[in-house]
Amino acid sequence: MKKLAVAVFIGLLGVMSFSASAGHHGKVKAYWGTSGMFGPFDIRGLIPSLPEDKARDITIPISMWVIDHPKGIVVYDTGNNVEVEDNCKNYWSPGLCDFLKPSQTKETNIGGLLKKLGYTVADVKAVVSSHAHLDHAGNIEMFPNAIHIFQKKELYQGWWPEKFQGRDGKGPFVLADLDNARDFNYLELEGDYDIFGDGTVQVLSTPGHTLGHQSMRVTTGKSGVIILAQDAIWMQENLDGYPAGLNYSVQDYNKSVTRLKMMRDLQGAPLYMGHDGAQWEAGGNQWY
C-alpha cells in the first residue's frame, strides 16, 4: 500500500507539473521588432559565396524580439548601440557605417521598442544575446539589473575576437558595447538552456557564425512553437546553400543550419531568420 501511495503521489506531482507548464504555454507571446534597417547594399557583401547572377541590392532588418512570459520579460538581442543614430562614424568604424547604412532611430532602438509595447527597460528580467556582434549586443549596457544570458565562449569572444573579425574594437565586435557591462549578472551557458523551466522559452546553442552563437525556441499561445535563428541563418540564400560570411567555422555553421532546419521540419515550426528582408516584410512588427 505504501508503494502504491508513493506512486500515486508522484503521478499527481507529474500531472500538476505538466498542468502548470501547459498553463504557461497559452500566456507566452513574442514580438518581432527591428533595430532599424541596414542597406541598401550588394548582398555579396554579406554572402560572398553567392554567384554574380544572383546578386542584388538588399535592405535588411536588424531583428530583436521581446518575449512576454508570466515569470518575466525577456529581450532577445538589443540591436545597434544608440550612438549610431547620430554619431555612427565616431562610434563604429567609418567603413562599417558607409557599407551598412544603419537607419535606427530613438523610436526603433530597443528602448523605443519596449516603450511602444508598453514596457520599460526596468521591466526586463533577462536579456539573451545571440552573440556579441555590434548589431545584436549593442545595447546590453541599458539593462544593468537584468540577468544576461550568453554562451560562456561568446563572452570571451566579445573581448578577444578571432583576428579576422578585428581586435581593435571597431570591427563587428565593438568593445564600447561591452566595456561598462563587465560586472553585470551573467548566466554563462555551455549549451542549451530552458530559461523558465517549463519548456516555453529555450536557448539553443548554434555556433558557427561566432564561437558562442545561440538561437531560441519559443512556444507561444497564439502561434505555437517558433524558432528564432538570428545570425545562425541570416536569410533565405543561406537556406538555399550559400553560407553567410564572417563565420569562425563553416563546419559548425553548417551543423547549426542543419539543426535548425531539422527542428523546423520535424516540429512543424516556422523558422525566423535574423536578416531576411522578405520575411520581415511579411511578418515583422507583430505579436506571435
C-alpha atoms as a PDB file:
ATOM      1  CA  MET A   1       0.000   0.000   0.000  1.00  0.00           C
ATOM      2  CA  LYS A   2       2.846   2.387   0.832  1.00  0.00           C
ATOM      3  CA  LYS A   3       4.415   1.785  -2.587  1.00  0.00           C
ATOM      4  CA  LEU A   4       1.046   2.413  -4.268  1.00  0.00           C
ATOM      5  CA  ALA A   5       0.550   5.628  -2.313  1.00  0.00           C
ATOM      6  CA  VAL A   6       4.012   6.859  -3.254  1.00  0.00           C
ATOM      7  CA  ALA A   7       3.376   6.020  -6.925  1.00  0.00           C
ATOM      8  CA  VAL A   8       0.046   7.866  -6.883  1.00  0.00           C
ATOM      9  CA  PHE A   9       1.671  10.873  -5.184  1.00  0.00           C
ATOM     10  CA  ILE A  10       4.482  11.004  -7.766  1.00  0.00           C
ATOM     11  CA  GLY A  11       1.924  10.714 -10.550  1.00  0.00           C
ATOM     12  CA  LEU A  12      -0.086  13.598  -9.131  1.00  0.00           C
ATOM     13  CA  LEU A  13       3.049  15.707  -8.917  1.00  0.00           C
ATOM     14  CA  GLY A  14       3.757  14.975 -12.566  1.00  0.00           C
ATOM     15  CA  VAL A  15       0.218  15.973 -13.584  1.00  0.00           C
ATOM     16  CA  MET A  16       0.441  19.155 -11.524  1.00  0.00           C
ATOM     17  CA  SER A  17       3.817  20.000 -13.054  1.00  0.00           C
ATOM     18  CA  PHE A  18       2.542  19.343 -16.581  1.00  0.00           C
ATOM     19  CA  SER A  19      -0.575  21.420 -15.947  1.00  0.00           C
ATOM     20  CA  ALA A  20       1.458  24.360 -14.673  1.00  0.00           C
ATOM     21  CA  SER A  21       3.732  24.169 -17.685  1.00  0.00           C
ATOM     22  CA  ALA A  22       0.855  23.806 -20.128  1.00  0.00           C
ATOM     23  CA  GLY A  23      -0.859  26.754 -18.480  1.00  0.00           C
ATOM     24  CA  HIS A  24       2.107  28.978 -19.309  1.00  0.00           C
ATOM     25  CA  HIS A  25       2.048  27.999 -22.991  1.00  0.00           C
ATOM     26  CA  GLY A  26      -1.138  29.972 -23.588  1.00  0.00           C
ATOM     27  CA  LYS A  27       0.212  33.066 -21.870  1.00  0.00           C
ATOM     28  CA  VAL A  28       3.557  33.410 -23.648  1.00  0.00           C
ATOM     29  CA  LYS A  29       3.832  35.856 -26.526  1.00  0.00           C
ATOM     30  CA  ALA A  30       6.714  37.181 -28.604  1.00  0.00           C
ATOM     31  CA  TYR A  31       7.010  40.417 -30.586  1.00  0.00           C
ATOM     32  CA  TRP A  32       9.256  40.725 -33.625  1.00  0.00           C
ATOM     33  CA  GLY A  33      10.779  44.192 -33.866  1.00  0.00           C
ATOM     34  CA  THR A  34      13.764  45.702 -35.634  1.00  0.00           C
ATOM     35  CA  SER A  35      16.596  47.999 -34.624  1.00  0.00           C
ATOM     36  CA  GLY A  36      16.156  49.930 -37.851  1.00  0.00           C
ATOM     37  CA  MET A  37      17.434  48.599 -41.183  1.00  0.00           C
ATOM     38  CA  PHE A  38      20.764  48.133 -42.947  1.00  0.00           C
ATOM     39  CA  GLY A  39      21.179  48.971 -46.598  1.00  0.00           C
ATOM     40  CA  PRO A  40      20.739  49.105 -49.447  1.00  0.00           C
ATOM     41  CA  PHE A  41      23.968  47.310 -50.403  1.00  0.00           C
ATOM     42  CA  ASP A  42      25.140  44.421 -52.571  1.00  0.00           C
ATOM     43  CA  ILE A  43      24.102  41.125 -50.971  1.00  0.00           C
ATOM     44  CA  ARG A  44      27.544  39.699 -51.803  1.00  0.00           C
ATOM     45  CA  GLY A  45      28.992  41.964 -49.129  1.00  0.00           C
ATOM     46  CA  LEU A  46      27.355  39.568 -46.647  1.00  0.00           C
ATOM     47  CA  ILE A  47      27.225  36.358 -48.697  1.00  0.00           C
ATOM     48  CA  PRO A  48      30.376  36.293 -50.836  1.00  0.00           C
ATOM     49  CA  SER A  49      29.640  32.718 -51.949  1.00  0.00           C
ATOM     50  CA  LEU A  50      26.613  33.911 -53.945  1.00  0.00           C
ATOM     51  CA  PRO A  51      27.214  33.786 -57.724  1.00  0.00           C
ATOM     52  CA  GLU A  52      27.098  37.031 -59.687  1.00  0.00           C
ATOM     53  CA  ASP A  53      23.866  36.156 -61.488  1.00  0.00           C
ATOM     54  CA  LYS A  54      22.085  36.015 -58.107  1.00  0.00           C
ATOM     55  CA  ALA A  55      23.471  39.337 -56.870  1.00  0.00           C
ATOM     56  CA  ARG A  56      21.136  42.191 -55.975  1.00  0.00           C
ATOM     57  CA  ASP A  57      20.914  45.132 -53.630  1.00  0.00           C
ATOM     58  CA  ILE A  58      19.180  44.367 -50.355  1.00  0.00           C
ATOM     59  CA  THR A  59      17.807  46.234 -47.340  1.00  0.00           C
ATOM     60  CA  ILE A  60      17.643  44.048 -44.251  1.00  0.00           C
ATOM     61  CA  PRO A  61      16.093  44.184 -40.754  1.00  0.00           C
ATOM     62  CA  ILE A  62      18.117  44.091 -37.530  1.00  0.00           C
ATOM     63  CA  SER A  63      15.858  41.663 -35.709  1.00  0.00           C
ATOM     64  CA  MET A  64      15.068  41.962 -31.997  1.00  0.00           C
ATOM     65  CA  TRP A  65      12.458  40.005 -30.050  1.00  0.00           C
ATOM     66  CA  VAL A  66      10.539  40.847 -26.872  1.00  0.00           C
ATOM     67  CA  ILE A  67       9.152  37.754 -25.135  1.00  0.00           C
ATOM     68  CA  ASP A  68       6.411  38.181 -22.531  1.00  0.00           C
ATOM     69  CA  HIS A  69       6.266  35.206 -20.142  1.00  0.00           C
ATOM     70  CA  PRO A  70       4.262  35.054 -16.885  1.00  0.00           C
ATOM     71  CA  LYS A  71       7.552  34.897 -14.959  1.00  0.00           C
ATOM     72  CA  GLY A  72       9.132  37.885 -16.677  1.00  0.00           C
ATOM     73  CA  ILE A  73      10.024  39.824 -19.815  1.00  0.00           C
ATOM     74  CA  VAL A  74      12.888  38.526 -21.963  1.00  0.00           C
ATOM     75  CA  VAL A  75      14.652  40.596 -24.620  1.00  0.00           C
ATOM     76  CA  TYR A  76      16.392  38.591 -27.332  1.00  0.00           C
ATOM     77  CA  ASP A  77      19.065  40.887 -28.776  1.00  0.00           C
ATOM     78  CA  THR A  78      19.346  44.634 -28.196  1.00  0.00           C
ATOM     79  CA  GLY A  79      20.310  45.818 -31.683  1.00  0.00           C
ATOM     80  CA  ASN A  80      22.663  48.628 -32.665  1.00  0.00           C
ATOM     81  CA  ASN A  81      24.010  50.918 -29.963  1.00  0.00           C
ATOM     82  CA  VAL A  82      22.077  54.176 -29.671  1.00  0.00           C
ATOM     83  CA  GLU A  83      25.225  56.086 -30.649  1.00  0.00           C
ATOM     84  CA  VAL A  84      24.823  55.052 -34.297  1.00  0.00           C
ATOM     85  CA  GLU A  85      21.677  57.175 -34.551  1.00  0.00           C
ATOM     86  CA  ASP A  86      23.590  60.481 -34.599  1.00  0.00           C
ATOM     87  CA  ASN A  87      27.251  59.562 -34.202  1.00  0.00           C
ATOM     88  CA  CYS A  88      27.872  56.459 -36.298  1.00  0.00           C
ATOM     89  CA  LYS A  89      31.283  57.268 -37.759  1.00  0.00           C
ATOM     90  CA  ASN A  90      32.688  58.182 -34.353  1.00  0.00           C
ATOM     91  CA  TYR A  91      31.276  55.057 -32.710  1.00  0.00           C
ATOM     92  CA  TRP A  92      31.639  52.409 -35.417  1.00  0.00           C
ATOM     93  CA  SER A  93      34.434  52.484 -37.960  1.00  0.00           C
ATOM     94  CA  PRO A  94      33.547  54.767 -40.906  1.00  0.00           C
ATOM     95  CA  GLY A  95      33.767  51.821 -43.296  1.00  0.00           C
ATOM     96  CA  LEU A  96      31.039  49.933 -41.425  1.00  0.00           C
ATOM     97  CA  CYS A  97      28.770  52.979 -41.342  1.00  0.00           C
ATOM     98  CA  ASP A  98      29.240  53.611 -45.065  1.00  0.00           C
ATOM     99  CA  PHE A  99      28.578  49.988 -46.025  1.00  0.00           C
ATOM    100  CA  LEU A 100      25.782  49.065 -43.611  1.00  0.00           C
ATOM    101  CA  LYS A 101      23.938  52.432 -43.713  1.00  0.00           C
ATOM    102  CA  PRO A 102      22.079  51.961 -40.388  1.00  0.00           C
ATOM    103  CA  SER A 103      18.684  53.673 -40.153  1.00  0.00           C
ATOM    104  CA  GLN A 104      17.995  53.160 -36.433  1.00  0.00           C
ATOM    105  CA  THR A 105      16.209  55.987 -34.581  1.00  0.00           C
ATOM    106  CA  LYS A 106      15.291  56.528 -30.932  1.00  0.00           C
ATOM    107  CA  GLU A 107      11.859  55.125 -31.769  1.00  0.00           C
ATOM    108  CA  THR A 108      13.291  51.891 -33.197  1.00  0.00           C
ATOM    109  CA  ASN A 109      16.107  51.202 -30.731  1.00  0.00           C
ATOM    110  CA  ILE A 110      15.391  48.633 -28.030  1.00  0.00           C
ATOM    111  CA  GLY A 111      14.285  51.296 -25.553  1.00  0.00           C
ATOM    112  CA  GLY A 112      11.850  52.719 -28.107  1.00  0.00           C
ATOM    113  CA  LEU A 113      10.526  49.275 -28.968  1.00  0.00           C
ATOM    114  CA  LEU A 114       9.868  48.446 -25.313  1.00  0.00           C
ATOM    115  CA  LYS A 115       8.099  51.781 -24.832  1.00  0.00           C
ATOM    116  CA  LYS A 116       5.908  51.143 -27.881  1.00  0.00           C
ATOM    117  CA  LEU A 117       4.877  47.799 -26.415  1.00  0.00           C
ATOM    118  CA  GLY A 118       4.069  49.291 -23.011  1.00  0.00           C
ATOM    119  CA  TYR A 119       7.185  48.151 -21.143  1.00  0.00           C
ATOM    120  CA  THR A 120      10.193  49.897 -19.632  1.00  0.00           C
ATOM    121  CA  VAL A 121      13.833  48.851 -19.538  1.00  0.00           C
ATOM    122  CA  ALA A 122      13.366  48.141 -15.824  1.00  0.00           C
ATOM    123  CA  ASP A 123      10.651  45.566 -16.630  1.00  0.00           C
ATOM    124  CA  VAL A 124      13.124  43.286 -18.407  1.00  0.00           C
ATOM    125  CA  LYS A 125      14.098  40.265 -16.334  1.00  0.00           C
ATOM    126  CA  ALA A 126      16.553  38.651 -18.755  1.00  0.00           C
ATOM    127  CA  VAL A 127      18.477  39.663 -21.859  1.00  0.00           C
ATOM    128  CA  VAL A 128      19.544  36.883 -24.212  1.00  0.00           C
ATOM    129  CA  SER A 129      22.230  37.949 -26.674  1.00  0.00           C
ATOM    130  CA  SER A 130      22.515  35.722 -29.727  1.00  0.00           C
ATOM    131  CA  HIS A 131      26.159  36.816 -29.974  1.00  0.00           C
ATOM    132  CA  ALA A 132      28.346  39.817 -29.252  1.00  0.00           C
ATOM    133  CA  HIS A 133      28.365  41.472 -32.686  1.00  0.00           C
ATOM    134  CA  LEU A 134      27.579  45.190 -32.896  1.00  0.00           C
ATOM    135  CA  ASP A 135      24.014  44.782 -34.227  1.00  0.00           C
ATOM    136  CA  HIS A 136      22.953  42.192 -31.647  1.00  0.00           C
ATOM    137  CA  ALA A 137      24.528  43.116 -28.299  1.00  0.00           C
ATOM    138  CA  GLY A 138      24.841  46.841 -28.930  1.00  0.00           C
ATOM    139  CA  ASN A 139      22.693  47.998 -26.020  1.00  0.00           C
ATOM    140  CA  ILE A 140      23.244  45.465 -23.259  1.00  0.00           C
ATOM    141  CA  GLU A 141      24.503  48.304 -21.059  1.00  0.00           C
ATOM    142  CA  MET A 142      20.929  49.666 -20.973  1.00  0.00           C
ATOM    143  CA  PHE A 143      19.985  46.673 -18.774  1.00  0.00           C
ATOM    144  CA  PRO A 144      22.245  46.706 -15.685  1.00  0.00           C
ATOM    145  CA  ASN A 145      19.663  44.979 -13.492  1.00  0.00           C
ATOM    146  CA  ALA A 146      18.715  42.143 -15.851  1.00  0.00           C
ATOM    147  CA  ILE A 147      20.237  38.670 -15.979  1.00  0.00           C
ATOM    148  CA  HIS A 148      22.312  38.486 -19.168  1.00  0.00           C
ATOM    149  CA  ILE A 149      22.333  35.089 -20.850  1.00  0.00           C
ATOM    150  CA  PHE A 150      25.365  34.321 -23.020  1.00  0.00           C
ATOM    151  CA  GLN A 151      27.239  31.249 -24.070  1.00  0.00           C
ATOM    152  CA  LYS A 152      30.370  31.435 -21.932  1.00  0.00           C
ATOM    153  CA  LYS A 153      32.596  31.190 -25.019  1.00  0.00           C
ATOM    154  CA  GLU A 154      30.895  34.221 -26.536  1.00  0.00           C
ATOM    155  CA  LEU A 155      31.791  36.454 -23.609  1.00  0.00           C
ATOM    156  CA  TYR A 156      35.442  35.648 -24.234  1.00  0.00           C
ATOM    157  CA  GLN A 157      34.882  36.145 -27.947  1.00  0.00           C
ATOM    158  CA  GLY A 158      33.458  39.623 -27.332  1.00  0.00           C
ATOM    159  CA  TRP A 159      36.620  40.678 -25.537  1.00  0.00           C
ATOM    160  CA  TRP A 160      39.126  38.801 -27.701  1.00  0.00           C
ATOM    161  CA  PRO A 161      37.614  38.148 -31.148  1.00  0.00           C
ATOM    162  CA  GLU A 162      39.010  35.988 -33.883  1.00  0.00           C
ATOM    163  CA  LYS A 163      41.713  38.082 -35.553  1.00  0.00           C
ATOM    164  CA  PHE A 164      39.904  38.217 -38.916  1.00  0.00           C
ATOM    165  CA  GLN A 165      36.953  39.922 -37.184  1.00  0.00           C
ATOM    166  CA  GLY A 166      39.164  42.666 -35.794  1.00  0.00           C
ATOM    167  CA  ARG A 167      40.735  43.192 -32.382  1.00  0.00           C
ATOM    168  CA  ASP A 168      40.845  46.978 -32.449  1.00  0.00           C
ATOM    169  CA  GLY A 169      37.327  47.221 -31.010  1.00  0.00           C
ATOM    170  CA  LYS A 170      35.929  48.791 -34.172  1.00  0.00           C
ATOM    171  CA  GLY A 171      35.016  45.717 -36.200  1.00  0.00           C
ATOM    172  CA  PRO A 172      31.922  43.511 -35.801  1.00  0.00           C
ATOM    173  CA  PHE A 173      32.802  43.231 -32.086  1.00  0.00           C
ATOM    174  CA  VAL A 174      32.668  46.763 -30.630  1.00  0.00           C
ATOM    175  CA  LEU A 175      34.367  46.939 -27.242  1.00  0.00           C
ATOM    176  CA  ALA A 176      32.433  50.076 -26.322  1.00  0.00           C
ATOM    177  CA  ASP A 177      29.225  47.991 -26.398  1.00  0.00           C
ATOM    178  CA  LEU A 178      30.596  45.798 -23.606  1.00  0.00           C
ATOM    179  CA  ASP A 179      33.103  47.768 -21.559  1.00  0.00           C
ATOM    180  CA  ASN A 180      30.638  49.052 -18.955  1.00  0.00           C
ATOM    181  CA  ALA A 181      28.900  45.701 -18.619  1.00  0.00           C
ATOM    182  CA  ARG A 182      31.749  43.675 -17.145  1.00  0.00           C
ATOM    183  CA  ASP A 183      30.177  43.497 -13.681  1.00  0.00           C
ATOM    184  CA  PHE A 184      26.667  42.625 -14.844  1.00  0.00           C
ATOM    185  CA  ASN A 185      24.939  39.453 -13.688  1.00  0.00           C
ATOM    186  CA  TYR A 186      25.679  36.820 -16.360  1.00  0.00           C
ATOM    187  CA  LEU A 187      24.258  33.361 -16.778  1.00  0.00           C
ATOM    188  CA  GLU A 188      27.168  31.735 -18.627  1.00  0.00           C
ATOM    189  CA  LEU A 189      25.943  28.761 -20.621  1.00  0.00           C
ATOM    190  CA  GLU A 190      27.683  25.825 -22.216  1.00  0.00           C
ATOM    191  CA  GLY A 191      24.863  24.509 -24.397  1.00  0.00           C
ATOM    192  CA  ASP A 192      21.066  24.679 -24.472  1.00  0.00           C
ATOM    193  CA  TYR A 193      19.023  26.089 -21.613  1.00  0.00           C
ATOM    194  CA  ASP A 194      15.344  26.226 -20.564  1.00  0.00           C
ATOM    195  CA  ILE A 195      15.028  29.745 -19.123  1.00  0.00           C
ATOM    196  CA  PHE A 196      11.861  29.362 -17.047  1.00  0.00           C
ATOM    197  CA  GLY A 197      11.943  25.579 -16.613  1.00  0.00           C
ATOM    198  CA  ASP A 198       8.655  24.952 -18.396  1.00  0.00           C
ATOM    199  CA  GLY A 199       9.827  24.394 -21.954  1.00  0.00           C
ATOM    200  CA  THR A 200       8.334  27.594 -23.353  1.00  0.00           C
ATOM    201  CA  VAL A 201      11.448  29.786 -23.729  1.00  0.00           C
ATOM    202  CA  GLN A 202      14.557  27.826 -24.648  1.00  0.00           C
ATOM    203  CA  VAL A 203      18.066  28.887 -25.648  1.00  0.00           C
ATOM    204  CA  LEU A 204      19.675  26.754 -28.375  1.00  0.00           C
ATOM    205  CA  SER A 205      23.429  26.585 -28.855  1.00  0.00           C
ATOM    206  CA  THR A 206      24.095  27.242 -32.568  1.00  0.00           C
ATOM    207  CA  PRO A 207      27.807  28.027 -33.032  1.00  0.00           C
ATOM    208  CA  GLY A 208      29.379  28.776 -36.374  1.00  0.00           C
ATOM    209  CA  HIS A 209      28.734  32.419 -37.161  1.00  0.00           C
ATOM    210  CA  THR A 210      30.563  33.108 -33.915  1.00  0.00           C
ATOM    211  CA  LEU A 211      32.094  30.793 -31.353  1.00  0.00           C
ATOM    212  CA  GLY A 212      29.121  31.044 -28.999  1.00  0.00           C
ATOM    213  CA  HIS A 213      26.127  31.992 -31.138  1.00  0.00           C
ATOM    214  CA  GLN A 214      22.748  30.997 -29.687  1.00  0.00           C
ATOM    215  CA  SER A 215      19.256  30.824 -31.165  1.00  0.00           C
ATOM    216  CA  MET A 216      15.888  30.389 -29.407  1.00  0.00           C
ATOM    217  CA  ARG A 217      12.800  28.180 -29.451  1.00  0.00           C
ATOM    218  CA  VAL A 218       9.652  29.804 -28.050  1.00  0.00           C
ATOM    219  CA  THR A 219       6.215  28.236 -27.519  1.00  0.00           C
ATOM    220  CA  THR A 220       3.586  30.967 -27.778  1.00  0.00           C
ATOM    221  CA  GLY A 221      -0.116  30.910 -27.109  1.00  0.00           C
ATOM    222  CA  LYS A 222      -1.004  32.448 -30.471  1.00  0.00           C
ATOM    223  CA  SER A 223       1.398  30.793 -32.917  1.00  0.00           C
ATOM    224  CA  GLY A 224       2.627  27.660 -31.148  1.00  0.00           C
ATOM    225  CA  VAL A 225       6.332  26.836 -31.462  1.00  0.00           C
ATOM    226  CA  ILE A 226       8.506  29.368 -33.296  1.00  0.00           C
ATOM    227  CA  ILE A 227      12.255  29.105 -33.904  1.00  0.00           C
ATOM    228  CA  LEU A 228      14.329  32.286 -33.839  1.00  0.00           C
ATOM    229  CA  ALA A 229      17.573  31.716 -35.720  1.00  0.00           C
ATOM    230  CA  GLN A 230      19.125  35.202 -35.641  1.00  0.00           C
ATOM    231  CA  ASP A 231      22.574  35.027 -37.282  1.00  0.00           C
ATOM    232  CA  ALA A 232      22.722  31.245 -37.355  1.00  0.00           C
ATOM    233  CA  ILE A 233      20.724  31.813 -40.568  1.00  0.00           C
ATOM    234  CA  TRP A 234      20.739  35.340 -41.966  1.00  0.00           C
ATOM    235  CA  MET A 235      18.381  34.958 -44.903  1.00  0.00           C
ATOM    236  CA  GLN A 236      16.849  32.630 -47.487  1.00  0.00           C
ATOM    237  CA  GLU A 237      20.043  32.405 -49.532  1.00  0.00           C
ATOM    238  CA  ASN A 238      21.689  30.649 -46.571  1.00  0.00           C
ATOM    239  CA  LEU A 239      18.896  28.067 -46.557  1.00  0.00           C
ATOM    240  CA  ASP A 240      19.453  27.671 -50.295  1.00  0.00           C
ATOM    241  CA  GLY A 241      23.030  26.551 -49.623  1.00  0.00           C
ATOM    242  CA  TYR A 242      25.093  29.743 -49.795  1.00  0.00           C
ATOM    243  CA  PRO A 243      26.987  30.216 -46.489  1.00  0.00           C
ATOM    244  CA  ALA A 244      26.983  33.558 -44.752  1.00  0.00           C
ATOM    245  CA  GLY A 245      30.240  35.460 -44.426  1.00  0.00           C
ATOM    246  CA  LEU A 246      32.112  36.138 -41.177  1.00  0.00           C
ATOM    247  CA  ASN A 247      31.856  32.560 -39.927  1.00  0.00           C
ATOM    248  CA  TYR A 248      34.514  31.447 -37.475  1.00  0.00           C
ATOM    249  CA  SER A 249      33.794  27.863 -38.601  1.00  0.00           C
ATOM    250  CA  VAL A 250      31.895  26.940 -41.769  1.00  0.00           C
ATOM    251  CA  GLN A 251      31.660  23.357 -40.499  1.00  0.00           C
ATOM    252  CA  ASP A 252      29.972  24.382 -37.243  1.00  0.00           C
ATOM    253  CA  TYR A 253      27.863  26.910 -39.149  1.00  0.00           C
ATOM    254  CA  ASN A 254      26.512  24.168 -41.455  1.00  0.00           C
ATOM    255  CA  LYS A 255      25.793  21.899 -38.481  1.00  0.00           C
ATOM    256  CA  SER A 256      23.766  24.671 -36.814  1.00  0.00           C
ATOM    257  CA  VAL A 257      21.853  25.449 -40.027  1.00  0.00           C
ATOM    258  CA  THR A 258      21.014  21.762 -40.363  1.00  0.00           C
ATOM    259  CA  ARG A 259      19.919  21.534 -36.732  1.00  0.00           C
ATOM    260  CA  LEU A 260      17.504  24.446 -37.070  1.00  0.00           C
ATOM    261  CA  LYS A 261      16.135  23.184 -40.394  1.00  0.00           C
ATOM    262  CA  MET A 262      15.504  19.741 -38.892  1.00  0.00           C
ATOM    263  CA  MET A 263      13.737  21.284 -35.892  1.00  0.00           C
ATOM    264  CA  ARG A 264      11.599  23.304 -38.295  1.00  0.00           C
ATOM    265  CA  ASP A 265      10.664  20.253 -40.334  1.00  0.00           C
ATOM    266  CA  LEU A 266      10.184  17.753 -37.509  1.00  0.00           C
ATOM    267  CA  GLN A 267       8.234  20.105 -35.252  1.00  0.00           C
ATOM    268  CA  GLY A 268       6.325  21.940 -37.977  1.00  0.00           C
ATOM    269  CA  ALA A 269       7.598  25.213 -36.533  1.00  0.00           C
ATOM    270  CA  PRO A 270       8.189  28.401 -38.544  1.00  0.00           C
ATOM    271  CA  LEU A 271      11.824  29.489 -38.670  1.00  0.00           C
ATOM    272  CA  TYR A 272      12.514  33.217 -38.396  1.00  0.00           C
ATOM    273  CA  MET A 273      15.843  34.389 -39.776  1.00  0.00           C
ATOM    274  CA  GLY A 274      17.826  37.324 -38.451  1.00  0.00           C
ATOM    275  CA  HIS A 275      18.137  39.495 -41.562  1.00  0.00           C
ATOM    276  CA  ASP A 276      15.722  38.356 -44.261  1.00  0.00           C
ATOM    277  CA  GLY A 277      14.002  41.378 -45.792  1.00  0.00           C
ATOM    278  CA  ALA A 278      11.136  39.488 -47.448  1.00  0.00           C
ATOM    279  CA  GLN A 279      10.334  37.542 -44.290  1.00  0.00           C
ATOM    280  CA  TRP A 280      10.378  40.761 -42.268  1.00  0.00           C
ATOM    281  CA  GLU A 281       8.001  42.475 -44.706  1.00  0.00           C
ATOM    282  CA  ALA A 282       5.580  39.572 -44.353  1.00  0.00           C
ATOM    283  CA  GLY A 283       5.713  39.133 -40.587  1.00  0.00           C
ATOM    284  CA  GLY A 284       7.609  41.883 -38.787  1.00  0.00           C
ATOM    285  CA  ASN A 285       6.249  44.349 -36.235  1.00  0.00           C
ATOM    286  CA  GLN A 286       3.686  41.969 -34.788  1.00  0.00           C
ATOM    287  CA  TRP A 287       2.992  39.624 -31.897  1.00  0.00           C
ATOM    288  CA  TYR A 288       3.302  35.859 -32.122  1.00  0.00           C
END
